[in-house]
Amino acid sequence: MARKPSEIHAVDALERKGVQVDSYINKEILVPPDYLLLGNGSWAKIDFLVNYCGYRLVR
C-alpha cells in the first residue's frame, strides 16, 4: 500500500526537524516532551498525520 504524496511530504518535513516517525510498522510519531523546535506548521503536519492518516502521537 503506497503512501499519498501529502503524507510523504509531511513525514519528510517532520523527520528533517528531528522528529522520529515510524511510518511503516506502527505508524507512530515520537516527539520528546521538551522539544521546542516545532512551530505551528509542524504541529499542523502532525495533526494531519494523526487525524487523517491513522498515525499515533507519542510524547
N, C-alpha and C. Protein backbone atom coordinates (compact mmCIF):
# COMPACT_ATOMS: atom_id res chain seq x y z
N MET A 1 0.84 -1.17 0.00
CA MET A 1 0.00 0.00 0.00
C MET A 1 0.89 1.24 0.00
N ALA A 2 0.76 2.05 -0.98
CA ALA A 2 1.61 3.23 -1.13
C ALA A 2 1.06 4.40 -0.31
N ARG A 3 1.98 5.23 0.15
CA ARG A 3 1.58 6.43 0.87
C ARG A 3 1.20 7.52 -0.12
N LYS A 4 0.31 8.40 0.29
CA LYS A 4 -0.08 9.52 -0.53
C LYS A 4 1.05 10.55 -0.56
N PRO A 5 1.15 11.34 -1.62
CA PRO A 5 2.22 12.34 -1.67
C PRO A 5 2.19 13.33 -0.51
N SER A 6 1.02 13.75 -0.08
CA SER A 6 0.95 14.70 1.03
C SER A 6 1.43 14.05 2.33
N GLU A 7 1.17 12.76 2.49
CA GLU A 7 1.66 12.04 3.66
C GLU A 7 3.19 11.94 3.61
N ILE A 8 3.72 11.68 2.44
CA ILE A 8 5.17 11.58 2.28
C ILE A 8 5.84 12.92 2.60
N HIS A 9 5.28 14.00 2.11
CA HIS A 9 5.86 15.32 2.36
C HIS A 9 5.79 15.69 3.84
N ALA A 10 4.70 15.36 4.50
CA ALA A 10 4.57 15.67 5.92
C ALA A 10 5.58 14.87 6.74
N VAL A 11 5.73 13.59 6.44
CA VAL A 11 6.68 12.75 7.16
C VAL A 11 8.11 13.23 6.93
N ASP A 12 8.45 13.56 5.69
CA ASP A 12 9.80 14.03 5.39
C ASP A 12 10.11 15.35 6.10
N ALA A 13 9.15 16.26 6.13
CA ALA A 13 9.37 17.55 6.78
C ALA A 13 9.57 17.38 8.28
N LEU A 14 8.81 16.49 8.89
CA LEU A 14 8.97 16.25 10.33
C LEU A 14 10.29 15.57 10.64
N GLU A 15 10.72 14.66 9.78
CA GLU A 15 12.00 13.99 10.01
C GLU A 15 13.16 14.96 9.87
N ARG A 16 13.04 15.97 8.99
CA ARG A 16 14.09 16.99 8.88
C ARG A 16 14.18 17.84 10.14
N LYS A 17 13.07 17.99 10.86
CA LYS A 17 13.05 18.74 12.12
C LYS A 17 13.60 17.93 13.28
N GLY A 18 13.81 16.64 13.10
CA GLY A 18 14.34 15.80 14.16
C GLY A 18 13.31 14.96 14.89
N VAL A 19 12.09 14.94 14.38
CA VAL A 19 11.02 14.13 14.98
C VAL A 19 11.13 12.72 14.41
N GLN A 20 11.04 11.72 15.27
CA GLN A 20 11.11 10.34 14.81
C GLN A 20 9.73 9.89 14.36
N VAL A 21 9.66 9.40 13.12
CA VAL A 21 8.40 8.93 12.56
C VAL A 21 8.58 7.49 12.11
N ASP A 22 7.81 6.60 12.70
CA ASP A 22 7.81 5.19 12.29
C ASP A 22 6.59 5.01 11.39
N SER A 23 6.79 5.11 10.08
CA SER A 23 5.65 5.17 9.17
C SER A 23 5.27 3.84 8.55
N TYR A 24 6.03 2.80 8.77
CA TYR A 24 5.74 1.54 8.09
C TYR A 24 5.10 0.49 8.99
N ILE A 25 5.57 0.34 10.20
CA ILE A 25 5.08 -0.74 11.04
C ILE A 25 4.01 -0.25 12.02
N ASN A 26 4.38 0.66 12.90
CA ASN A 26 3.48 1.08 13.97
C ASN A 26 2.72 2.36 13.68
N LYS A 27 3.17 3.14 12.69
CA LYS A 27 2.58 4.45 12.38
C LYS A 27 2.55 5.32 13.64
N GLU A 28 3.72 5.58 14.19
CA GLU A 28 3.85 6.40 15.39
C GLU A 28 4.71 7.62 15.10
N ILE A 29 4.37 8.72 15.76
CA ILE A 29 5.17 9.93 15.73
C ILE A 29 5.71 10.14 17.13
N LEU A 30 7.03 10.12 17.28
CA LEU A 30 7.66 10.23 18.58
C LEU A 30 8.21 11.64 18.78
N VAL A 31 7.59 12.42 19.67
CA VAL A 31 8.02 13.78 19.96
C VAL A 31 8.42 13.83 21.43
N PRO A 32 9.67 14.21 21.73
CA PRO A 32 10.06 14.36 23.14
C PRO A 32 9.25 15.47 23.80
N PRO A 33 8.92 15.34 25.08
CA PRO A 33 8.04 16.33 25.72
C PRO A 33 8.67 17.72 25.84
N ASP A 34 9.99 17.84 25.84
CA ASP A 34 10.62 19.15 25.99
C ASP A 34 11.19 19.67 24.67
N TYR A 35 10.69 19.18 23.56
CA TYR A 35 11.19 19.55 22.23
C TYR A 35 10.54 20.86 21.81
N LEU A 36 11.34 21.92 21.58
CA LEU A 36 10.80 23.25 21.33
C LEU A 36 10.95 23.73 19.88
N LEU A 37 11.48 22.91 18.98
CA LEU A 37 11.72 23.34 17.62
C LEU A 37 10.50 23.24 16.70
N LEU A 38 9.38 22.82 17.22
CA LEU A 38 8.19 22.65 16.39
C LEU A 38 7.31 23.89 16.46
N GLY A 39 7.01 24.43 15.29
CA GLY A 39 6.12 25.58 15.21
C GLY A 39 4.72 25.16 14.80
N ASN A 40 3.92 26.13 14.42
CA ASN A 40 2.53 25.85 14.05
C ASN A 40 2.43 24.95 12.83
N GLY A 41 3.31 25.15 11.85
CA GLY A 41 3.27 24.32 10.64
C GLY A 41 3.59 22.87 10.92
N SER A 42 4.56 22.64 11.78
CA SER A 42 4.92 21.26 12.14
C SER A 42 3.80 20.58 12.91
N TRP A 43 3.19 21.33 13.82
CA TRP A 43 2.07 20.74 14.56
C TRP A 43 0.87 20.49 13.65
N ALA A 44 0.71 21.30 12.60
CA ALA A 44 -0.36 21.06 11.63
C ALA A 44 -0.09 19.78 10.84
N LYS A 45 1.18 19.53 10.50
CA LYS A 45 1.53 18.28 9.82
C LYS A 45 1.27 17.08 10.72
N ILE A 46 1.61 17.20 12.01
CA ILE A 46 1.34 16.12 12.96
C ILE A 46 -0.16 15.90 13.08
N ASP A 47 -0.93 16.98 13.14
CA ASP A 47 -2.38 16.89 13.22
C ASP A 47 -2.96 16.18 11.99
N PHE A 48 -2.45 16.50 10.81
CA PHE A 48 -2.89 15.85 9.58
C PHE A 48 -2.59 14.35 9.62
N LEU A 49 -1.37 14.00 10.04
CA LEU A 49 -1.00 12.59 10.08
C LEU A 49 -1.82 11.81 11.10
N VAL A 50 -2.11 12.43 12.23
CA VAL A 50 -2.87 11.74 13.29
C VAL A 50 -4.34 11.60 12.90
N ASN A 51 -4.94 12.69 12.43
CA ASN A 51 -6.39 12.68 12.20
C ASN A 51 -6.81 12.09 10.86
N TYR A 52 -5.96 12.15 9.84
CA TYR A 52 -6.37 11.69 8.51
C TYR A 52 -5.63 10.46 8.01
N CYS A 53 -4.43 10.21 8.55
CA CYS A 53 -3.62 9.10 8.03
C CYS A 53 -3.49 7.96 9.03
N GLY A 54 -4.06 8.09 10.22
CA GLY A 54 -4.06 6.98 11.16
C GLY A 54 -2.82 6.84 12.00
N TYR A 55 -2.00 7.88 12.10
CA TYR A 55 -0.81 7.83 12.94
C TYR A 55 -1.20 8.05 14.40
N ARG A 56 -0.25 7.72 15.29
CA ARG A 56 -0.47 7.90 16.72
C ARG A 56 0.65 8.77 17.27
N LEU A 57 0.32 9.79 18.06
CA LEU A 57 1.31 10.69 18.63
C LEU A 57 1.76 10.15 19.99
N VAL A 58 3.08 9.99 20.14
CA VAL A 58 3.65 9.51 21.39
C VAL A 58 4.59 10.59 21.89
N ARG A 59 4.36 11.05 23.13
CA ARG A 59 5.22 12.10 23.72
C ARG A 59 5.94 11.54 24.90
